[in-house]
């Protein structure tokens, strides 16, 4: 798996931390993880977005569309996969 930088979770190895801190480091992992499909299709890493960048953009687009078209949606759930 190709990443932009070492994964932040490695900084916690051997340390006792709260579960919420571990979760934060896992989420932070998404900022370092390239979208792998782009790399498999020959896109250079400098042009690839991270999983976090993609997720943020899709969530904002969903919120904007819900506002623009006055869709009767629960905006707390728009953009989530739940």
PDB file of N, CA and C in Angstrom:
ATOM      1  N   UNK A   1       0.858  -1.167   0.000  1.00  0.00           N
ATOM      2  CA  UNK A   1       0.000   0.000   0.000  1.00  0.00           C
ATOM      3  C   UNK A   1       0.906   1.233   0.000  1.00  0.00           C
ATOM      4  N   UNK A   2       0.640   2.162  -0.908  1.00  0.00           N
ATOM      5  CA  UNK A   2       1.449   3.371  -1.021  1.00  0.00           C
ATOM      6  C   UNK A   2       0.868   4.481  -0.153  1.00  0.00           C
ATOM      7  N   UNK A   3       1.742   5.108   0.626  1.00  0.00           N
ATOM      8  CA  UNK A   3       1.318   6.209   1.488  1.00  0.00           C
ATOM      9  C   UNK A   3       2.203   7.424   1.250  1.00  0.00           C
ATOM     10  N   UNK A   4       1.685   8.594   1.638  1.00  0.00           N
ATOM     11  CA  UNK A   4       2.437   9.846   1.502  1.00  0.00           C
ATOM     12  C   UNK A   4       3.566   9.927   2.522  1.00  0.00           C
ATOM     13  N   UNK A   5       3.355   9.383   3.680  1.00  0.00           N
ATOM     14  CA  UNK A   5       4.314   9.455   4.783  1.00  0.00           C
ATOM     15  C   UNK A   5       4.075   8.247   5.682  1.00  0.00           C
ATOM     16  N   UNK A   6       4.970   8.008   6.619  1.00  0.00           N
ATOM     17  CA  UNK A   6       4.732   6.907   7.562  1.00  0.00           C
ATOM     18  C   UNK A   6       3.395   7.105   8.280  1.00  0.00           C
ATOM     19  N   UNK A   7       2.757   5.993   8.592  1.00  0.00           N
ATOM     20  CA  UNK A   7       1.446   6.064   9.234  1.00  0.00           C
ATOM     21  C   UNK A   7       1.583   6.541  10.679  1.00  0.00           C
ATOM     22  N   UNK A   8       0.753   7.504  11.082  1.00  0.00           N
ATOM     23  CA  UNK A   8       0.843   8.083  12.426  1.00  0.00           C
ATOM     24  C   UNK A   8       0.658   7.064  13.547  1.00  0.00           C
ATOM     25  N   UNK A   9      -0.118   6.015  13.309  1.00  0.00           N
ATOM     26  CA  UNK A   9      -0.396   5.033  14.364  1.00  0.00           C
ATOM     27  C   UNK A   9       0.893   4.393  14.867  1.00  0.00           C
ATOM     28  N   UNK A  10       1.918   4.347  14.020  1.00  0.00           N
ATOM     29  CA  UNK A  10       3.203   3.760  14.430  1.00  0.00           C
ATOM     30  C   UNK A  10       3.823   4.527  15.590  1.00  0.00           C
ATOM     31  N   UNK A  11       3.484   5.790  15.745  1.00  0.00           N
ATOM     32  CA  UNK A  11       4.019   6.596  16.843  1.00  0.00           C
ATOM     33  C   UNK A  11       3.516   6.125  18.209  1.00  0.00           C
ATOM     34  N   UNK A  12       2.423   5.358  18.209  1.00  0.00           N
ATOM     35  CA  UNK A  12       1.851   4.890  19.466  1.00  0.00           C
ATOM     36  C   UNK A  12       2.364   3.518  19.878  1.00  0.00           C
ATOM     37  N   UNK A  13       3.163   2.872  19.037  1.00  0.00           N
ATOM     38  CA  UNK A  13       3.642   1.527  19.348  1.00  0.00           C
ATOM     39  C   UNK A  13       4.344   1.499  20.696  1.00  0.00           C
ATOM     40  N   UNK A  14       3.942   0.530  21.519  1.00  0.00           N
ATOM     41  CA  UNK A  14       4.561   0.357  22.822  1.00  0.00           C
ATOM     42  C   UNK A  14       4.096   1.335  23.877  1.00  0.00           C
ATOM     43  N   UNK A  15       3.132   2.175  23.535  1.00  0.00           N
ATOM     44  CA  UNK A  15       2.632   3.168  24.488  1.00  0.00           C
ATOM     45  C   UNK A  15       1.201   2.813  24.898  1.00  0.00           C
ATOM     46  N   UNK A  16       0.862   3.131  26.124  1.00  0.00           N
ATOM     47  CA  UNK A  16      -0.497   2.946  26.603  1.00  0.00           C
ATOM     48  C   UNK A  16      -1.244   4.257  26.382  1.00  0.00           C
ATOM     49  N   UNK A  17      -2.322   4.192  25.604  1.00  0.00           N
ATOM     50  CA  UNK A  17      -3.100   5.397  25.311  1.00  0.00           C
ATOM     51  C   UNK A  17      -4.586   5.110  25.452  1.00  0.00           C
ATOM     52  N   UNK A  18      -5.346   6.161  25.503  1.00  0.00           N
ATOM     53  CA  UNK A  18      -6.798   6.033  25.541  1.00  0.00           C
ATOM     54  C   UNK A  18      -7.317   5.579  24.174  1.00  0.00           C
ATOM     55  N   UNK A  19      -8.398   4.823  24.143  1.00  0.00           N
ATOM     56  CA  UNK A  19      -8.967   4.385  22.863  1.00  0.00           C
ATOM     57  C   UNK A  19      -9.301   5.548  21.924  1.00  0.00           C
ATOM     58  N   UNK A  20      -9.734   6.680  22.472  1.00  0.00           N
ATOM     59  CA  UNK A  20     -10.081   7.814  21.606  1.00  0.00           C
ATOM     60  C   UNK A  20      -8.836   8.365  20.912  1.00  0.00           C
ATOM     61  N   UNK A  21      -7.695   8.301  21.573  1.00  0.00           N
ATOM     62  CA  UNK A  21      -6.439   8.745  20.962  1.00  0.00           C
ATOM     63  C   UNK A  21      -6.061   7.783  19.836  1.00  0.00           C
ATOM     64  N   UNK A  22      -6.215   6.505  20.075  1.00  0.00           N
ATOM     65  CA  UNK A  22      -5.933   5.506  19.038  1.00  0.00           C
ATOM     66  C   UNK A  22      -6.856   5.709  17.834  1.00  0.00           C
ATOM     67  N   UNK A  23      -8.125   6.004  18.090  1.00  0.00           N
ATOM     68  CA  UNK A  23      -9.074   6.248  16.994  1.00  0.00           C
ATOM     69  C   UNK A  23      -8.653   7.476  16.191  1.00  0.00           C
ATOM     70  N   UNK A  24      -8.216   8.522  16.883  1.00  0.00           N
ATOM     71  CA  UNK A  24      -7.756   9.731  16.196  1.00  0.00           C
ATOM     72  C   UNK A  24      -6.581   9.409  15.276  1.00  0.00           C
ATOM     73  N   UNK A  25      -5.647   8.633  15.764  1.00  0.00           N
ATOM     74  CA  UNK A  25      -4.493   8.272  14.943  1.00  0.00           C
ATOM     75  C   UNK A  25      -4.910   7.416  13.749  1.00  0.00           C
ATOM     76  N   UNK A  26      -5.908   6.563  13.927  1.00  0.00           N
ATOM     77  CA  UNK A  26      -6.418   5.766  12.804  1.00  0.00           C
ATOM     78  C   UNK A  26      -7.062   6.664  11.748  1.00  0.00           C
ATOM     79  N   UNK A  27      -7.856   7.652  12.179  1.00  0.00           N
ATOM     80  CA  UNK A  27      -8.457   8.583  11.229  1.00  0.00           C
ATOM     81  C   UNK A  27      -7.384   9.397  10.517  1.00  0.00           C
ATOM     82  N   UNK A  28      -6.354   9.767  11.260  1.00  0.00           N
ATOM     83  CA  UNK A  28      -5.257  10.516  10.679  1.00  0.00           C
ATOM     84  C   UNK A  28      -4.551   9.716   9.590  1.00  0.00           C
ATOM     85  N   UNK A  29      -4.591   8.413   9.717  1.00  0.00           N
ATOM     86  CA  UNK A  29      -4.022   7.506   8.706  1.00  0.00           C
ATOM     87  C   UNK A  29      -4.586   7.818   7.320  1.00  0.00           C
ATOM     88  N   UNK A  30      -5.855   8.177   7.252  1.00  0.00           N
ATOM     89  CA  UNK A  30      -6.516   8.427   5.966  1.00  0.00           C
ATOM     90  C   UNK A  30      -5.905   9.612   5.223  1.00  0.00           C
ATOM     91  N   UNK A  31      -5.282  10.531   5.953  1.00  0.00           N
ATOM     92  CA  UNK A  31      -4.623  11.676   5.309  1.00  0.00           C
ATOM     93  C   UNK A  31      -3.336  11.250   4.607  1.00  0.00           C
ATOM     94  N   UNK A  32      -2.755  10.144   5.039  1.00  0.00           N
ATOM     95  CA  UNK A  32      -1.505   9.668   4.456  1.00  0.00           C
ATOM     96  C   UNK A  32      -1.715   8.606   3.377  1.00  0.00           C
ATOM     97  N   UNK A  33      -2.908   8.073   3.287  1.00  0.00           N
ATOM     98  CA  UNK A  33      -3.188   6.960   2.377  1.00  0.00           C
ATOM     99  C   UNK A  33      -3.673   7.467   1.022  1.00  0.00           C
ATOM    100  N   UNK A  34      -2.874   7.190  -0.017  1.00  0.00           N
ATOM    101  CA  UNK A  34      -3.297   7.550  -1.371  1.00  0.00           C
ATOM    102  C   UNK A  34      -4.497   6.702  -1.777  1.00  0.00           C
ATOM    103  N   UNK A  35      -5.310   7.219  -2.648  1.00  0.00           N
ATOM    104  CA  UNK A  35      -6.370   6.407  -3.245  1.00  0.00           C
ATOM    105  C   UNK A  35      -5.682   5.428  -4.190  1.00  0.00           C
ATOM    106  N   UNK A  36      -5.701   4.173  -3.825  1.00  0.00           N
ATOM    107  CA  UNK A  36      -4.898   3.147  -4.471  1.00  0.00           C
ATOM    108  C   UNK A  36      -5.298   2.889  -5.922  1.00  0.00           C
ATOM    109  N   UNK A  37      -6.563   3.043  -6.248  1.00  0.00           N
ATOM    110  CA  UNK A  37      -7.012   2.829  -7.623  1.00  0.00           C
ATOM    111  C   UNK A  37      -6.338   3.778  -8.603  1.00  0.00           C
ATOM    112  N   UNK A  38      -6.101   4.999  -8.167  1.00  0.00           N
ATOM    113  CA  UNK A  38      -5.419   5.971  -9.030  1.00  0.00           C
ATOM    114  C   UNK A  38      -4.013   5.482  -9.342  1.00  0.00           C
ATOM    115  N   UNK A  39      -3.325   5.002  -8.307  1.00  0.00           N
ATOM    116  CA  UNK A  39      -1.952   4.519  -8.500  1.00  0.00           C
ATOM    117  C   UNK A  39      -1.934   3.304  -9.422  1.00  0.00           C
ATOM    118  N   UNK A  40      -2.904   2.404  -9.257  1.00  0.00           N
ATOM    119  CA  UNK A  40      -2.973   1.202 -10.110  1.00  0.00           C
ATOM    120  C   UNK A  40      -3.212   1.563 -11.574  1.00  0.00           C
ATOM    121  N   UNK A  41      -3.817   2.713 -11.797  1.00  0.00           N
ATOM    122  CA  UNK A  41      -4.080   3.144 -13.176  1.00  0.00           C
ATOM    123  C   UNK A  41      -2.993   4.070 -13.718  1.00  0.00           C
ATOM    124  N   UNK A  42      -1.865   4.120 -13.020  1.00  0.00           N
ATOM    125  CA  UNK A  42      -0.716   4.848 -13.531  1.00  0.00           C
ATOM    126  C   UNK A  42      -0.654   6.331 -13.228  1.00  0.00           C
ATOM    127  N   UNK A  43      -1.541   6.823 -12.377  1.00  0.00           N
ATOM    128  CA  UNK A  43      -1.497   8.234 -12.000  1.00  0.00           C
ATOM    129  C   UNK A  43      -0.321   8.420 -11.039  1.00  0.00           C
ATOM    130  N   UNK A  44       0.494   9.435 -11.268  1.00  0.00           N
ATOM    131  CA  UNK A  44       1.631   9.693 -10.392  1.00  0.00           C
ATOM    132  C   UNK A  44       1.146  10.117  -9.003  1.00  0.00           C
ATOM    133  N   UNK A  45       1.856   9.690  -7.968  1.00  0.00           N
ATOM    134  CA  UNK A  45       1.441  10.049  -6.599  1.00  0.00           C
ATOM    135  C   UNK A  45       1.248  11.548  -6.387  1.00  0.00           C
ATOM    136  N   UNK A  46       2.037  12.386  -7.049  1.00  0.00           N
ATOM    137  CA  UNK A  46       1.889  13.832  -6.825  1.00  0.00           C
ATOM    138  C   UNK A  46       0.525  14.351  -7.293  1.00  0.00           C
ATOM    139  N   UNK A  47      -0.179  13.581  -8.125  1.00  0.00           N
ATOM    140  CA  UNK A  47      -1.508  13.981  -8.600  1.00  0.00           C
ATOM    141  C   UNK A  47      -2.642  13.249  -7.879  1.00  0.00           C
ATOM    142  N   UNK A  48      -2.307  12.305  -7.020  1.00  0.00           N
ATOM    143  CA  UNK A  48      -3.324  11.505  -6.331  1.00  0.00           C
ATOM    144  C   UNK A  48      -3.815  12.205  -5.071  1.00  0.00           C
ATOM    145  N   UNK A  49      -5.109  12.106  -4.832  1.00  0.00           N
ATOM    146  CA  UNK A  49      -5.643  12.633  -3.583  1.00  0.00           C
ATOM    147  C   UNK A  49      -5.595  11.540  -2.521  1.00  0.00           C
ATOM    148  N   UNK A  50      -5.651  11.948  -1.283  1.00  0.00           N
ATOM    149  CA  UNK A  50      -5.690  10.984  -0.183  1.00  0.00           C
ATOM    150  C   UNK A  50      -7.134  10.535   0.038  1.00  0.00           C
ATOM    151  N   UNK A  51      -7.279   9.460   0.794  1.00  0.00           N
ATOM    152  CA  UNK A  51      -8.616   8.977   1.138  1.00  0.00           C
ATOM    153  C   UNK A  51      -9.358  10.054   1.932  1.00  0.00           C
ATOM    154  N   UNK A  52      -8.657  10.750   2.819  1.00  0.00           N
ATOM    155  CA  UNK A  52      -9.293  11.812   3.616  1.00  0.00           C
ATOM    156  C   UNK A  52      -9.760  12.961   2.729  1.00  0.00           C
ATOM    157  N   UNK A  53      -8.931  13.363   1.761  1.00  0.00           N
ATOM    158  CA  UNK A  53      -9.319  14.449   0.851  1.00  0.00           C
ATOM    159  C   UNK A  53     -10.569  14.071   0.069  1.00  0.00           C
ATOM    160  N   UNK A  54     -10.607  12.843  -0.410  1.00  0.00           N
ATOM    161  CA  UNK A  54     -11.760  12.374  -1.180  1.00  0.00           C
ATOM    162  C   UNK A  54     -13.020  12.350  -0.301  1.00  0.00           C
ATOM    163  N   UNK A  55     -12.891  11.785   0.883  1.00  0.00           N
ATOM    164  CA  UNK A  55     -14.052  11.675   1.782  1.00  0.00           C
ATOM    165  C   UNK A  55     -14.602  13.044   2.153  1.00  0.00           C
ATOM    166  N   UNK A  56     -13.720  13.979   2.455  1.00  0.00           N
ATOM    167  CA  UNK A  56     -14.138  15.334   2.802  1.00  0.00           C
ATOM    168  C   UNK A  56     -14.872  15.989   1.628  1.00  0.00           C
ATOM    169  N   UNK A  57     -14.315  15.857   0.423  1.00  0.00           N
ATOM    170  CA  UNK A  57     -14.932  16.459  -0.753  1.00  0.00           C
ATOM    171  C   UNK A  57     -16.310  15.884  -1.054  1.00  0.00           C
ATOM    172  N   UNK A  58     -16.448  14.579  -0.940  1.00  0.00           N
ATOM    173  CA  UNK A  58     -17.736  13.929  -1.201  1.00  0.00           C
ATOM    174  C   UNK A  58     -18.773  14.353  -0.158  1.00  0.00           C
ATOM    175  N   UNK A  59     -18.367  14.434   1.102  1.00  0.00           N
ATOM    176  CA  UNK A  59     -19.295  14.853   2.154  1.00  0.00           C
ATOM    177  C   UNK A  59     -19.770  16.286   1.928  1.00  0.00           C
ATOM    178  N   UNK A  60     -18.852  17.186   1.563  1.00  0.00           N
ATOM    179  CA  UNK A  60     -19.254  18.575   1.277  1.00  0.00           C
ATOM    180  C   UNK A  60     -20.173  18.649   0.071  1.00  0.00           C
ATOM    181  N   UNK A  61     -19.852  17.916  -0.972  1.00  0.00           N
ATOM    182  CA  UNK A  61     -20.704  17.915  -2.168  1.00  0.00           C
ATOM    183  C   UNK A  61     -22.119  17.448  -1.818  1.00  0.00           C
ATOM    184  N   UNK A  62     -22.225  16.403  -1.018  1.00  0.00           N
ATOM    185  CA  UNK A  62     -23.544  15.900  -0.620  1.00  0.00           C
ATOM    186  C   UNK A  62     -24.319  16.961   0.159  1.00  0.00           C
ATOM    187  N   UNK A  63     -23.650  17.668   1.069  1.00  0.00           N
ATOM    188  CA  UNK A  63     -24.319  18.729   1.828  1.00  0.00           C
ATOM    189  C   UNK A  63     -24.764  19.879   0.924  1.00  0.00           C
ATOM    190  N   UNK A  64     -23.880  20.276  -0.010  1.00  0.00           N
ATOM    191  CA  UNK A  64     -24.228  21.357  -0.940  1.00  0.00           C
ATOM    192  C   UNK A  64     -25.414  20.978  -1.805  1.00  0.00           C
ATOM    193  N   UNK A  65     -25.431  19.750  -2.300  1.00  0.00           N
ATOM    194  CA  UNK A  65     -26.547  19.299  -3.137  1.00  0.00           C
ATOM    195  C   UNK A  65     -27.854  19.264  -2.348  1.00  0.00           C
ATOM    196  N   UNK A  66     -27.783  18.814  -1.112  1.00  0.00           N
ATOM    197  CA  UNK A  66     -28.982  18.771  -0.269  1.00  0.00           C
ATOM    198  C   UNK A  66     -29.531  20.177  -0.050  1.00  0.00           C
ATOM    199  N   UNK A  67     -28.636  21.149   0.162  1.00  0.00           N
ATOM    200  CA  UNK A  67     -29.072  22.536   0.341  1.00  0.00           C
ATOM    201  C   UNK A  67     -29.626  23.121  -0.957  1.00  0.00           C
ATOM    202  N   UNK A  68     -28.920  22.925  -2.039  1.00  0.00           N
ATOM    203  CA  UNK A  68     -29.285  23.519  -3.331  1.00  0.00           C
ATOM    204  C   UNK A  68     -30.642  23.040  -3.821  1.00  0.00           C
ATOM    205  N   UNK A  69     -30.922  21.776  -3.622  1.00  0.00           N
ATOM    206  CA  UNK A  69     -32.157  21.212  -4.163  1.00  0.00           C
ATOM    207  C   UNK A  69     -33.217  20.987  -3.097  1.00  0.00           C
ATOM    208  N   UNK A  70     -33.012  21.581  -1.933  1.00  0.00           N
ATOM    209  CA  UNK A  70     -33.977  21.509  -0.831  1.00  0.00           C
ATOM    210  C   UNK A  70     -34.496  20.096  -0.614  1.00  0.00           C
ATOM    211  N   UNK A  71     -33.580  19.170  -0.650  1.00  0.00           N
ATOM    212  CA  UNK A  71     -33.961  17.781  -0.439  1.00  0.00           C
ATOM    213  C   UNK A  71     -34.319  17.563   1.026  1.00  0.00           C
ATOM    214  N   UNK A  72     -35.344  16.775   1.232  1.00  0.00           N
ATOM    215  CA  UNK A  72     -35.784  16.476   2.594  1.00  0.00           C
ATOM    216  C   UNK A  72     -34.933  15.331   3.136  1.00  0.00           C
ATOM    217  N   UNK A  73     -33.710  15.702   3.560  1.00  0.00           N
ATOM    218  CA  UNK A  73     -32.766  14.719   4.061  1.00  0.00           C
ATOM    219  C   UNK A  73     -32.311  15.084   5.469  1.00  0.00           C
ATOM    220  N   UNK A  74     -31.950  14.094   6.218  1.00  0.00           N
ATOM    221  CA  UNK A  74     -31.336  14.331   7.519  1.00  0.00           C
ATOM    222  C   UNK A  74     -29.876  14.681   7.266  1.00  0.00           C
ATOM    223  N   UNK A  75     -29.539  15.966   7.357  1.00  0.00           N
ATOM    224  CA  UNK A  75     -28.194  16.426   7.002  1.00  0.00           C
ATOM    225  C   UNK A  75     -27.126  15.899   7.938  1.00  0.00           C
ATOM    226  N   UNK A  76     -27.519  15.364   9.096  1.00  0.00           N
ATOM    227  CA  UNK A  76     -26.516  14.756   9.975  1.00  0.00           C
ATOM    228  C   UNK A  76     -26.059  13.410   9.414  1.00  0.00           C
ATOM    229  N   UNK A  77     -26.818  12.881   8.440  1.00  0.00           N
ATOM    230  CA  UNK A  77     -26.459  11.602   7.852  1.00  0.00           C
ATOM    231  C   UNK A  77     -25.977  11.721   6.410  1.00  0.00           C
ATOM    232  N   UNK A  78     -26.151  12.883   5.801  1.00  0.00           N
ATOM    233  CA  UNK A  78     -25.720  13.076   4.420  1.00  0.00           C
ATOM    234  C   UNK A  78     -24.206  12.955   4.358  1.00  0.00           C
ATOM    235  N   UNK A  79     -23.731  12.160   3.421  1.00  0.00           N
ATOM    236  CA  UNK A  79     -22.300  11.984   3.245  1.00  0.00           C
ATOM    237  C   UNK A  79     -21.714  10.882   4.092  1.00  0.00           C
ATOM    238  N   UNK A  80     -22.496  10.322   5.002  1.00  0.00           N
ATOM    239  CA  UNK A  80     -21.949   9.214   5.792  1.00  0.00           C
ATOM    240  C   UNK A  80     -22.331   7.906   5.136  1.00  0.00           C
ATOM    241  N   UNK A  81     -21.596   6.881   5.458  1.00  0.00           N
ATOM    242  CA  UNK A  81     -21.885   5.571   4.871  1.00  0.00           C
ATOM    243  C   UNK A  81     -22.804   4.767   5.756  1.00  0.00           C
ATOM    244  N   UNK A  82     -23.205   5.326   6.889  1.00  0.00           N
ATOM    245  CA  UNK A  82     -24.070   4.591   7.822  1.00  0.00           C
ATOM    246  C   UNK A  82     -25.512   4.626   7.372  1.00  0.00           C
TER     247      UNK A  82
END
